[in-house]
Amino acid sequence: MSPEPWYHAAGGAGIFLLSFLSEDSATLTGALLGALGKLSWPVAFASCFLGIWIGDLGLYALARLFGRPVVNVLCLRREPARLRNSEEWFARHSLFALVICRFIPGTRLPTFLAAGLLRMPVLRFASVTGILAAGWVGLIFMVFRWFEVKPQTALDLSEGMRLAVVAALMLMVFLTQDRWLVALRRLLGSPVVQRWTKWEFWPAWLFYFPVGLNYLRLSFKYRSLSLPTCANPGMFTGGMIGESKQETLSALAERNARWVAASILIEPGGVADRVKRLTDGMRLIGPDFPIVLKPDVAQRGSGFKVVRNAVEAEDYLREVDVPIIAQQYIYGPREAGLFYYRFPAETTGKILAITEKIFPVIVGDGTRTVEQLVRADARASLLAETYLRRFDRIRDRVLEDGQPLRLVEAGNHAQGCIFLDGTHLWSSALEERINAISVDLPEFYIGRYDVRFRSIEEFRMGKGFKILELNGAASEATSAYDSSKSLREAYGILFRQWELVFAIGDENRRRGHRADPLAKIISAWQHYRQGSLCHPLAD
């Protein structure tokens, strides 16, 4: 007895939706239901085909509508020629790329996004992907309908067919021209595609989406969206947004000056007055250049500059019309981030994570330019636009053989610094030193110290370091960004960090502290965003 029409409709809808999660699962399910007579073949085929094809078109449309503005802002605003060259290359090789990616798992997403970003004609993309989807689904269905296939062998059969098709395509390429294979390798090895395959370089909105969901979960658990502002009652908004770096540094220096890099605050005003304030303050922070200038309120290394003479300092003061910090330049040469926490009822805290920061360097060979050296480096090429914007004036300069060029000064991942898990730097002596400094700071319980130090041996003894900054509740246990970690491990660290922030905030709430209203947080964020418009490119 044939199933009722509603059963066909429900089954077809289920397969259609399943295709957005797993194309292979949807195709195998549709073929099995058809072979068992539980679903009509036309309905099963149409559901599988439409689900796969619409999913392909959706990825294309997403990149076509929103990809270009995002990419222009992030990396290609100043290099339209590179974008045109990429469009021309994809126009020549798009057919082969679309065909081969249909049969190689993991390549469809970047290829379809590239098709939209590089503006492959809509009708061409739709027709090619439609034919490929129909052919693949039809091939699976034909085997299931004409031959008796047991459910337990379905997955093996699908994978075998996929491998057979890939082998046939590879043989065809080998017997005709190998330039198509070279083209595919170039596509999959291009920096744009490689950035998507390495979670370390994902856009912030994508990487932080699960972190945001976890934040909402914790907000429901503790019944407050703004509870983290209670984590550090001694900081503005608990260190979530808008806190003054100089206020925190001054509070640290009052009790532990030997461990803190000297700094002064320069308020907005006339350039001459600000230059005089800097000149007078150089007795404390200098007395010689270089020094560091950075906004008093900033995120992700924004506006950080190492100025090496009075002219550069005056230019910075003229450009940045917000409160800024002039700070002693600590050469290091090493830098680390220490994420510390302590519950209010305790006298001893712990270091949750240590980040070892590596400042990438390119070395000249006497023949290649700065840009060529950056793009030739396996990792630097993935952040080429970040680095080359910083060195725009010298990107065409040829570095002498053996001449080094440090690509970033700010110890911030967003600016191109490399973050590694620094667990090997931990010692009980270091933890005791950081705890002693933290306990002396009124109502501070959780955050990250950014420090520079001379040697690992001294550092592990709790000596020979200077604190550059102390960030509060919104700071991160940045060891999560070590590329050797799995994505699951990275999220595990960040989820643990926010668990602690909420738990400490909850304990402070029970002690009588009140969380800031969301309106205050939003206002502080808007104020920061407005002020950051004058921040220069960070070093």
Protein backbone atom coordinates (compact mmCIF):
# COMPACT_ATOMS: atom_id res chain seq x y z
CA MET A 1 0.00 0.00 0.00
CA SER A 2 1.41 3.35 -1.06
CA PRO A 3 2.07 5.88 1.70
CA GLU A 4 -0.38 8.76 2.03
CA PRO A 5 0.39 12.08 0.29
CA TRP A 6 1.08 13.78 3.63
CA TYR A 7 3.72 11.13 4.32
CA HIS A 8 5.48 11.93 1.03
CA ALA A 9 5.37 15.64 1.82
CA ALA A 10 6.72 15.17 5.34
CA GLY A 11 9.43 12.75 4.19
CA GLY A 12 10.47 15.00 1.36
CA ALA A 13 10.64 18.03 3.67
CA GLY A 14 12.78 16.09 6.14
CA ILE A 15 15.25 15.03 3.45
CA PHE A 16 15.33 18.59 2.09
CA LEU A 17 16.26 20.00 5.52
CA LEU A 18 18.73 17.18 6.20
CA SER A 19 20.63 18.12 3.05
CA PHE A 20 21.67 21.43 4.69
CA LEU A 21 23.38 19.47 7.46
CA SER A 22 24.85 16.62 5.39
CA GLU A 23 24.40 16.19 1.67
CA ASP A 24 25.59 12.58 1.75
CA SER A 25 23.24 11.62 4.59
CA ALA A 26 20.29 13.19 2.81
CA THR A 27 21.08 11.47 -0.50
CA LEU A 28 21.56 8.05 1.10
CA THR A 29 18.40 8.44 3.18
CA GLY A 30 16.35 9.43 0.13
CA ALA A 31 17.71 6.53 -1.91
CA LEU A 32 17.05 4.00 0.86
CA LEU A 33 13.49 5.23 1.43
CA GLY A 34 12.87 5.00 -2.30
CA ALA A 35 14.35 1.51 -2.52
CA LEU A 36 12.20 0.35 0.42
CA GLY A 37 9.05 1.84 -1.07
CA LYS A 38 8.59 4.24 1.83
CA LEU A 39 8.88 7.30 -0.38
CA SER A 40 8.24 7.82 -4.07
CA TRP A 41 11.36 8.10 -6.19
CA PRO A 42 10.41 11.49 -7.72
CA VAL A 43 9.76 13.04 -4.31
CA ALA A 44 12.98 11.62 -2.86
CA PHE A 45 15.03 12.78 -5.86
CA ALA A 46 13.49 16.27 -5.92
CA SER A 47 14.03 16.72 -2.17
CA CYS A 48 17.69 15.70 -2.34
CA PHE A 49 18.45 17.66 -5.48
CA LEU A 50 16.72 20.88 -4.41
CA GLY A 51 18.26 20.77 -0.94
CA ILE A 52 21.78 20.38 -2.33
CA TRP A 53 21.34 22.88 -5.14
CA ILE A 54 19.69 25.56 -2.99
CA GLY A 55 22.45 25.11 -0.41
CA ASP A 56 25.07 25.68 -3.12
CA LEU A 57 23.25 28.77 -4.36
CA GLY A 58 22.95 30.04 -0.79
CA LEU A 59 26.72 29.92 -0.24
CA TYR A 60 27.27 31.65 -3.57
CA ALA A 61 24.71 34.35 -2.75
CA LEU A 62 26.18 34.94 0.71
CA ALA A 63 29.65 35.60 -0.70
CA ARG A 64 28.28 37.54 -3.70
CA LEU A 65 26.24 39.93 -1.54
CA PHE A 66 28.44 40.35 1.51
CA GLY A 67 31.89 38.99 0.66
CA ARG A 68 33.23 41.93 -1.33
CA PRO A 69 32.54 44.62 1.32
CA VAL A 70 34.08 42.45 4.04
CA VAL A 71 37.17 41.57 1.99
CA ASN A 72 37.64 45.19 0.90
CA VAL A 73 37.69 46.32 4.51
CA LEU A 74 39.93 43.49 5.70
CA CYS A 75 42.56 43.19 3.02
CA LEU A 76 41.98 44.26 -0.58
CA ARG A 77 40.89 47.88 -0.34
CA ARG A 78 44.33 49.04 -1.44
CA GLU A 79 44.99 46.29 -3.96
CA PRO A 80 42.16 46.20 -6.51
CA ALA A 81 44.58 44.76 -9.07
CA ARG A 82 44.95 41.56 -7.06
CA LEU A 83 41.19 41.17 -6.93
CA ARG A 84 40.90 41.68 -10.68
CA ASN A 85 43.62 39.10 -11.30
CA SER A 86 41.81 36.62 -9.07
CA GLU A 87 38.55 37.22 -10.97
CA GLU A 88 40.28 36.61 -14.28
CA TRP A 89 41.93 33.43 -13.01
CA PHE A 90 38.66 32.04 -11.63
CA ALA A 91 36.84 32.92 -14.85
CA ARG A 92 39.29 30.69 -16.74
CA HIS A 93 39.30 27.77 -14.29
CA SER A 94 35.90 27.92 -12.60
CA LEU A 95 34.37 24.96 -14.45
CA PHE A 96 37.11 22.56 -13.43
CA ALA A 97 37.09 23.87 -9.83
CA LEU A 98 33.32 23.37 -9.49
CA VAL A 99 33.45 19.88 -10.96
CA ILE A 100 36.30 18.61 -8.82
CA CYS A 101 35.02 20.15 -5.58
CA ARG A 102 31.73 18.24 -5.90
CA PHE A 103 33.62 15.01 -5.23
CA ILE A 104 36.29 16.11 -2.72
CA PRO A 105 34.94 16.58 0.81
CA GLY A 106 35.83 19.88 2.45
CA THR A 107 36.41 21.83 -0.77
CA ARG A 108 32.85 22.84 -1.67
CA LEU A 109 32.53 25.56 0.97
CA PRO A 110 35.65 27.56 0.00
CA THR A 111 35.07 27.00 -3.73
CA PHE A 112 31.43 28.17 -3.69
CA LEU A 113 32.33 31.16 -1.50
CA ALA A 114 35.17 32.00 -3.90
CA ALA A 115 32.74 31.79 -6.84
CA GLY A 116 30.47 34.35 -5.20
CA LEU A 117 33.29 36.59 -4.01
CA LEU A 118 34.98 36.60 -7.44
CA ARG A 119 31.61 37.22 -9.14
CA MET A 120 31.29 34.18 -11.34
CA PRO A 121 28.19 34.76 -13.53
CA VAL A 122 25.05 33.65 -11.71
CA LEU A 123 23.61 31.59 -14.58
CA ARG A 124 26.91 29.83 -15.14
CA PHE A 125 27.27 28.93 -11.46
CA ALA A 126 23.63 27.85 -11.15
CA SER A 127 23.69 25.70 -14.27
CA VAL A 128 26.99 23.97 -13.49
CA THR A 129 26.13 23.25 -9.83
CA GLY A 130 22.61 22.18 -10.81
CA ILE A 131 23.89 19.68 -13.38
CA LEU A 132 26.49 18.34 -10.94
CA ALA A 133 23.97 17.98 -8.10
CA ALA A 134 21.44 16.26 -10.35
CA GLY A 135 24.11 13.96 -11.75
CA TRP A 136 25.45 12.94 -8.36
CA VAL A 137 22.00 12.33 -6.82
CA GLY A 138 20.84 10.55 -9.96
CA LEU A 139 23.87 8.26 -9.93
CA ILE A 140 23.23 7.23 -6.30
CA PHE A 141 19.52 6.71 -6.93
CA MET A 142 20.15 4.68 -10.08
CA VAL A 143 22.40 2.24 -8.20
CA PHE A 144 19.91 1.87 -5.34
CA ARG A 145 16.95 1.36 -7.70
CA TRP A 146 18.52 -1.11 -10.11
CA PHE A 147 20.57 -3.11 -7.63
CA GLU A 148 19.68 -4.55 -4.25
CA VAL A 149 21.65 -2.51 -1.73
CA LYS A 150 21.62 -3.29 1.98
CA PRO A 151 21.39 -0.27 4.31
CA GLN A 152 24.58 -1.16 6.15
CA THR A 153 26.59 -1.01 2.92
CA ALA A 154 25.10 2.27 1.73
CA LEU A 155 27.75 4.55 3.17
CA ASP A 156 30.61 2.40 1.87
CA LEU A 157 28.99 2.37 -1.55
CA SER A 158 28.65 6.15 -1.61
CA GLU A 159 32.27 6.65 -0.63
CA GLY A 160 33.38 4.10 -3.20
CA MET A 161 31.46 5.86 -5.96
CA ARG A 162 32.90 9.19 -4.88
CA LEU A 163 36.43 7.82 -4.98
CA ALA A 164 35.79 6.23 -8.37
CA VAL A 165 34.58 9.53 -9.80
CA VAL A 166 37.55 11.41 -8.34
CA ALA A 167 39.94 8.79 -9.74
CA ALA A 168 38.33 9.12 -13.17
CA LEU A 169 38.62 12.90 -13.06
CA MET A 170 42.25 12.73 -11.99
CA LEU A 171 43.01 10.28 -14.81
CA MET A 172 41.27 12.57 -17.28
CA VAL A 173 43.35 15.51 -16.09
CA PHE A 174 46.55 13.49 -16.24
CA LEU A 175 45.85 12.22 -19.77
CA THR A 176 44.94 15.69 -21.08
CA GLN A 177 46.68 18.61 -19.40
CA ASP A 178 48.11 18.88 -15.93
CA ARG A 179 47.67 22.67 -15.81
CA TRP A 180 44.14 22.18 -14.48
CA LEU A 181 45.48 20.22 -11.53
CA VAL A 182 48.06 22.94 -10.91
CA ALA A 183 45.27 25.53 -11.03
CA LEU A 184 43.25 23.64 -8.42
CA ARG A 185 46.26 23.32 -6.16
CA ARG A 186 46.84 27.04 -6.45
CA LEU A 187 43.21 27.73 -5.60
CA LEU A 188 43.22 25.50 -2.53
CA GLY A 189 46.63 26.80 -1.47
CA SER A 190 45.79 30.48 -1.90
CA PRO A 191 45.91 32.67 1.25
CA VAL A 192 42.18 33.42 1.02
CA VAL A 193 41.25 29.71 1.13
CA GLN A 194 43.97 28.86 3.65
CA ARG A 195 42.65 31.49 6.07
CA TRP A 196 39.29 29.70 6.07
CA THR A 197 40.86 26.32 6.75
CA LYS A 198 42.77 27.63 9.81
CA TRP A 199 40.44 28.64 12.64
CA GLU A 200 43.14 30.89 14.09
CA PHE A 201 42.49 33.35 11.25
CA TRP A 202 38.70 33.18 11.09
CA PRO A 203 36.86 36.52 11.21
CA ALA A 204 36.00 37.56 14.76
CA TRP A 205 32.24 37.36 14.13
CA LEU A 206 32.57 33.71 13.11
CA PHE A 207 35.07 32.56 15.73
CA TYR A 208 33.27 34.25 18.62
CA PHE A 209 29.79 33.02 17.71
CA PRO A 210 30.03 29.92 20.00
CA VAL A 211 31.64 32.08 22.69
CA GLY A 212 28.66 34.42 22.45
CA LEU A 213 26.23 31.51 22.78
CA ASN A 214 28.13 30.32 25.85
CA TYR A 215 27.92 33.85 27.28
CA LEU A 216 24.13 33.76 26.84
CA ARG A 217 24.01 30.35 28.54
CA LEU A 218 25.92 31.73 31.51
CA SER A 219 23.69 34.80 31.59
CA PHE A 220 20.62 32.57 31.96
CA LYS A 221 22.39 30.45 34.56
CA TYR A 222 23.32 33.47 36.70
CA ARG A 223 20.23 35.53 35.75
CA SER A 224 22.12 38.58 34.48
CA LEU A 225 23.52 39.67 31.13
CA SER A 226 25.87 42.19 32.72
CA LEU A 227 27.08 40.19 35.71
CA PRO A 228 30.73 40.22 34.47
CA THR A 229 30.84 43.93 35.37
CA CYS A 230 30.85 42.72 39.01
CA ALA A 231 33.95 40.59 38.48
CA ASN A 232 36.32 43.50 39.23
CA PRO A 233 34.46 46.15 41.26
CA GLY A 234 37.60 48.28 41.31
CA MET A 235 37.52 48.73 37.51
CA PHE A 236 35.10 50.68 35.34
CA THR A 237 32.51 48.11 34.11
CA GLY A 238 34.70 45.46 35.71
CA GLY A 239 37.06 45.73 32.75
CA MET A 240 34.41 44.80 30.17
CA ILE A 241 34.72 47.99 28.08
CA GLY A 242 35.85 51.57 28.51
CA GLU A 243 38.23 51.13 31.46
CA SER A 244 41.23 53.47 31.70
CA LYS A 245 44.51 51.61 31.25
CA GLN A 246 46.37 54.41 32.99
CA GLU A 247 44.16 54.31 36.09
CA THR A 248 44.96 50.63 36.47
CA LEU A 249 48.68 51.13 35.82
CA SER A 250 48.80 53.98 38.35
CA ALA A 251 47.06 51.85 40.97
CA LEU A 252 49.56 49.05 40.32
CA ALA A 253 52.53 51.45 40.47
CA GLU A 254 51.44 52.92 43.81
CA ARG A 255 52.17 49.61 45.50
CA ASN A 256 54.44 47.73 43.09
CA ALA A 257 56.25 50.31 40.97
CA ARG A 258 59.29 48.08 40.38
CA TRP A 259 57.14 45.67 38.35
CA VAL A 260 55.31 48.28 36.23
CA ALA A 261 56.48 50.08 33.09
CA ALA A 262 56.48 53.84 33.83
CA SER A 263 53.73 55.78 32.07
CA ILE A 264 51.87 59.10 32.05
CA LEU A 265 48.46 60.17 30.76
CA ILE A 266 48.17 62.94 28.17
CA GLU A 267 44.69 64.42 27.96
CA PRO A 268 43.16 65.87 24.74
CA GLY A 269 43.99 69.49 24.00
CA GLY A 270 46.21 71.67 21.88
CA VAL A 271 49.18 70.00 20.24
CA ALA A 272 51.66 72.37 21.88
CA ASP A 273 50.27 71.67 25.34
CA ARG A 274 50.35 67.92 24.74
CA VAL A 275 53.93 68.04 23.45
CA LYS A 276 54.94 69.97 26.58
CA ARG A 277 53.19 67.40 28.78
CA LEU A 278 55.10 64.64 26.98
CA THR A 279 58.41 66.51 27.23
CA ASP A 280 57.94 67.03 30.96
CA GLY A 281 56.91 63.40 31.42
CA MET A 282 59.94 62.05 29.60
CA ARG A 283 61.90 62.47 32.83
CA LEU A 284 59.73 59.70 34.24
CA ILE A 285 59.28 57.41 31.26
CA GLY A 286 62.44 58.06 29.20
CA PRO A 287 64.43 59.99 29.20
CA ASP A 288 65.20 58.91 25.62
CA PHE A 289 63.27 57.55 22.67
CA PRO A 290 61.86 55.13 21.70
CA ILE A 291 58.69 55.29 23.80
CA VAL A 292 55.24 53.81 23.36
CA LEU A 293 52.15 55.91 22.62
CA LYS A 294 48.72 54.28 22.76
CA PRO A 295 45.11 55.28 23.48
CA ASP A 296 44.11 55.11 27.14
CA VAL A 297 40.98 53.19 26.13
CA ALA A 298 41.61 50.65 23.38
CA GLN A 299 40.91 47.09 22.28
CA ARG A 300 42.99 44.53 20.35
CA GLY A 301 46.12 46.71 20.10
CA SER A 302 44.33 49.54 18.29
CA GLY A 303 46.45 52.69 17.94
CA PHE A 304 49.61 51.19 19.49
CA LYS A 305 52.76 52.97 18.25
CA VAL A 306 56.46 52.83 19.05
CA VAL A 307 57.71 56.36 18.35
CA ARG A 308 61.43 56.81 17.89
CA ASN A 309 61.84 60.60 17.85
CA ALA A 310 60.11 63.86 18.78
CA VAL A 311 58.75 64.40 15.26
CA GLU A 312 56.91 61.06 15.25
CA ALA A 313 55.58 61.79 18.74
CA GLU A 314 54.22 65.18 17.69
CA ASP A 315 52.58 63.66 14.61
CA TYR A 316 50.87 61.07 16.81
CA LEU A 317 49.66 63.71 19.29
CA ARG A 318 48.27 65.77 16.44
CA GLU A 319 46.40 62.82 14.90
CA VAL A 320 45.00 61.10 18.00
CA ASP A 321 42.62 63.44 19.79
CA VAL A 322 41.71 61.18 22.72
CA PRO A 323 43.45 60.56 26.07
CA ILE A 324 46.67 58.67 25.36
CA ILE A 325 49.31 56.92 27.40
CA ALA A 326 53.01 57.65 26.96
CA GLN A 327 54.84 54.63 28.30
CA GLN A 328 58.40 53.49 28.78
CA TYR A 329 59.43 51.19 25.93
CA ILE A 330 60.40 47.83 27.37
CA TYR A 331 62.56 45.98 24.89
CA GLY A 332 62.02 42.63 26.54
CA PRO A 333 62.87 40.90 24.22
CA ARG A 334 60.18 38.43 25.37
CA GLU A 335 56.50 39.06 26.06
CA ALA A 336 53.79 37.01 27.73
CA GLY A 337 50.16 37.25 28.76
CA LEU A 338 49.28 35.90 32.22
CA PHE A 339 45.59 35.24 32.85
CA TYR A 340 45.03 35.39 36.60
CA TYR A 341 41.97 34.79 38.78
CA ARG A 342 41.10 34.74 42.48
CA PHE A 343 37.75 34.35 44.21
CA PRO A 344 36.91 37.20 46.61
CA ALA A 345 36.84 34.98 49.70
CA GLU A 346 40.33 33.66 48.95
CA THR A 347 43.75 35.19 49.56
CA THR A 348 45.57 33.10 46.97
CA GLY A 349 44.82 33.16 43.28
CA LYS A 350 46.01 31.14 40.33
CA ILE A 351 47.33 31.61 36.82
CA LEU A 352 44.80 29.98 34.50
CA ALA A 353 46.86 30.30 31.33
CA ILE A 354 50.09 31.79 30.01
CA THR A 355 50.54 32.99 26.46
CA GLU A 356 54.02 33.19 24.98
CA LYS A 357 54.07 35.91 22.34
CA ILE A 358 56.30 35.61 19.29
CA PHE A 359 57.00 38.65 17.10
CA PRO A 360 57.43 37.43 13.51
CA VAL A 361 60.44 38.61 11.53
CA ILE A 362 61.32 38.49 7.85
CA VAL A 363 64.97 38.48 6.78
CA GLY A 364 66.20 40.13 3.58
CA ASP A 365 68.06 38.29 0.85
CA GLY A 366 69.24 41.27 -1.19
CA THR A 367 66.89 40.54 -4.10
CA ARG A 368 63.28 40.45 -2.89
CA THR A 369 61.13 43.35 -1.70
CA VAL A 370 59.38 43.54 1.65
CA GLU A 371 56.10 42.56 0.00
CA GLN A 372 57.66 39.59 -1.77
CA LEU A 373 59.26 38.35 1.45
CA VAL A 374 55.96 38.63 3.33
CA ARG A 375 54.00 36.79 0.66
CA ALA A 376 56.64 34.07 0.43
CA ASP A 377 56.37 33.27 4.15
CA ALA A 378 53.91 30.44 4.83
CA ARG A 379 52.30 32.13 7.85
CA ALA A 380 52.93 35.81 7.14
CA SER A 381 51.23 35.46 3.75
CA LEU A 382 47.95 34.68 5.53
CA LEU A 383 48.16 38.09 7.24
CA ALA A 384 49.89 39.85 4.37
CA GLU A 385 47.42 42.73 4.18
CA THR A 386 47.76 43.46 7.91
CA TYR A 387 51.54 43.58 7.67
CA LEU A 388 51.75 45.42 4.36
CA ARG A 389 49.36 48.16 5.46
CA ARG A 390 51.78 48.73 8.33
CA PHE A 391 54.76 48.92 5.96
CA ASP A 392 53.03 50.54 3.01
CA ARG A 393 55.84 53.07 2.51
CA ILE A 394 58.55 50.43 2.24
CA ARG A 395 56.68 47.50 0.71
CA ASP A 396 58.74 47.89 -2.50
CA ARG A 397 62.07 48.26 -0.70
CA VAL A 398 64.63 45.47 -1.15
CA LEU A 399 66.07 44.42 2.19
CA GLU A 400 69.78 43.76 2.31
CA ASP A 401 70.97 40.19 2.69
CA GLY A 402 70.51 39.20 6.33
CA GLN A 403 68.65 42.41 7.27
CA PRO A 404 65.76 41.61 9.65
CA LEU A 405 62.41 43.39 9.74
CA ARG A 406 60.09 42.84 12.72
CA LEU A 407 56.55 42.69 11.38
CA VAL A 408 54.69 43.72 14.54
CA GLU A 409 55.44 45.52 17.82
CA ALA A 410 52.07 45.20 19.55
CA GLY A 411 51.73 41.92 21.42
CA ASN A 412 48.26 41.38 20.00
CA HIS A 413 47.01 38.52 17.87
CA ALA A 414 44.78 40.81 15.81
CA GLN A 415 47.86 42.83 14.82
CA GLY A 416 49.79 39.75 13.66
CA CYS A 417 51.63 38.60 16.79
CA ILE A 418 51.96 34.81 17.12
CA PHE A 419 50.46 33.30 20.26
CA LEU A 420 51.74 30.04 21.74
CA ASP A 421 50.76 28.11 24.83
CA GLY A 422 53.25 29.29 27.47
CA THR A 423 52.54 26.68 30.13
CA HIS A 424 56.27 25.92 30.27
CA LEU A 425 56.80 29.43 31.69
CA TRP A 426 54.72 28.69 34.79
CA SER A 427 56.35 28.27 38.18
CA SER A 428 55.14 28.55 41.75
CA ALA A 429 57.46 31.54 42.24
CA LEU A 430 55.92 33.37 39.27
CA GLU A 431 52.39 32.59 40.43
CA GLU A 432 53.19 33.82 43.94
CA ARG A 433 54.60 37.08 42.54
CA ILE A 434 51.57 37.74 40.36
CA ASN A 435 49.25 36.86 43.24
CA ALA A 436 51.06 39.29 45.57
CA ILE A 437 50.73 42.09 43.02
CA SER A 438 47.06 41.29 42.43
CA VAL A 439 46.10 41.14 46.09
CA ASP A 440 47.53 44.65 46.54
CA LEU A 441 45.18 46.00 43.85
CA PRO A 442 41.81 46.91 45.42
CA GLU A 443 38.84 44.82 44.23
CA PHE A 444 40.68 43.13 41.37
CA TYR A 445 39.98 39.42 40.90
CA ILE A 446 40.31 38.34 37.27
CA GLY A 447 42.13 39.54 34.16
CA ARG A 448 45.25 39.35 32.05
CA TYR A 449 48.65 40.88 32.72
CA ASP A 450 50.70 41.68 29.61
CA VAL A 451 54.37 41.68 30.56
CA ARG A 452 57.78 41.87 28.92
CA PHE A 453 60.81 40.14 30.39
CA ARG A 454 64.50 39.52 29.77
CA SER A 455 64.98 35.79 30.19
CA ILE A 456 62.88 32.71 30.83
CA GLU A 457 65.05 31.73 33.81
CA GLU A 458 64.48 35.06 35.58
CA PHE A 459 60.81 35.10 34.67
CA ARG A 460 60.17 31.69 36.16
CA MET A 461 61.80 32.98 39.35
CA GLY A 462 59.24 35.80 39.45
CA LYS A 463 61.83 38.43 38.51
CA GLY A 464 63.01 40.58 35.62
CA PHE A 465 59.65 41.57 34.11
CA LYS A 466 57.61 44.76 33.61
CA ILE A 467 53.82 44.99 33.40
CA LEU A 468 52.68 46.79 30.26
CA GLU A 469 48.93 46.49 30.84
CA LEU A 470 46.36 44.83 33.04
CA ASN A 471 43.03 44.10 31.38
CA GLY A 472 39.90 43.06 33.24
CA ALA A 473 36.88 40.84 32.72
CA ALA A 474 36.78 41.03 28.92
CA SER A 475 40.44 40.11 28.50
CA GLU A 476 41.16 36.64 27.19
CA ALA A 477 43.25 33.64 28.08
CA THR A 478 44.99 34.14 24.76
CA SER A 479 46.87 30.84 24.83
CA ALA A 480 43.69 29.58 23.18
CA TYR A 481 45.03 31.02 19.91
CA ASP A 482 47.96 28.61 19.74
CA SER A 483 47.54 27.12 16.26
CA SER A 484 48.66 23.70 17.48
CA LYS A 485 45.48 23.44 19.55
CA SER A 486 42.30 21.99 18.16
CA LEU A 487 39.27 24.23 17.84
CA ARG A 488 37.65 22.26 20.66
CA GLU A 489 40.63 22.93 22.95
CA ALA A 490 40.56 26.63 22.11
CA TYR A 491 36.88 26.95 22.97
CA GLY A 492 37.46 24.91 26.12
CA ILE A 493 39.93 27.52 27.39
CA LEU A 494 37.69 30.47 26.53
CA PHE A 495 34.57 28.81 27.98
CA ARG A 496 36.46 28.11 31.22
CA GLN A 497 37.58 31.74 31.36
CA TRP A 498 34.01 33.04 31.09
CA GLU A 499 32.79 30.48 33.62
CA LEU A 500 35.25 32.03 36.08
CA VAL A 501 34.24 35.60 35.20
CA PHE A 502 30.57 34.86 35.88
CA ALA A 503 31.28 32.83 39.03
CA ILE A 504 33.46 35.59 40.50
CA GLY A 505 30.88 38.21 39.50
CA ASP A 506 28.19 36.17 41.24
CA GLU A 507 30.23 35.99 44.44
CA ASN A 508 30.80 39.75 44.37
CA ARG A 509 27.08 40.26 43.80
CA ARG A 510 26.40 38.30 46.97
CA ARG A 511 28.88 40.60 48.72
CA GLY A 512 26.70 43.57 47.82
CA HIS A 513 28.11 44.80 44.52
CA ARG A 514 25.62 45.57 41.76
CA ALA A 515 26.08 44.79 38.08
CA ASP A 516 26.17 47.77 35.74
CA PRO A 517 23.08 48.27 33.57
CA LEU A 518 23.38 47.22 29.93
CA ALA A 519 22.82 50.83 28.92
CA LYS A 520 26.12 51.79 30.57
CA ILE A 521 28.00 49.06 28.73
CA ILE A 522 26.45 50.03 25.39
CA SER A 523 27.21 53.70 26.01
CA ALA A 524 30.85 52.89 26.88
CA TRP A 525 31.16 50.81 23.71
CA GLN A 526 29.73 53.59 21.53
CA HIS A 527 32.04 56.13 23.15
CA TYR A 528 35.03 53.89 22.46
CA ARG A 529 34.01 53.26 18.86
CA GLN A 530 33.67 56.99 18.25
CA GLY A 531 37.06 57.72 19.78
CA SER A 532 38.77 54.88 17.90
CA LEU A 533 38.08 56.56 14.56
CA CYS A 534 41.23 58.64 15.05
CA HIS A 535 43.45 55.69 15.98
CA PRO A 536 46.33 55.20 13.52
CA LEU A 537 47.48 51.85 12.17
CA ALA A 538 49.13 49.91 14.98
CA ASP A 539 52.79 48.96 14.89
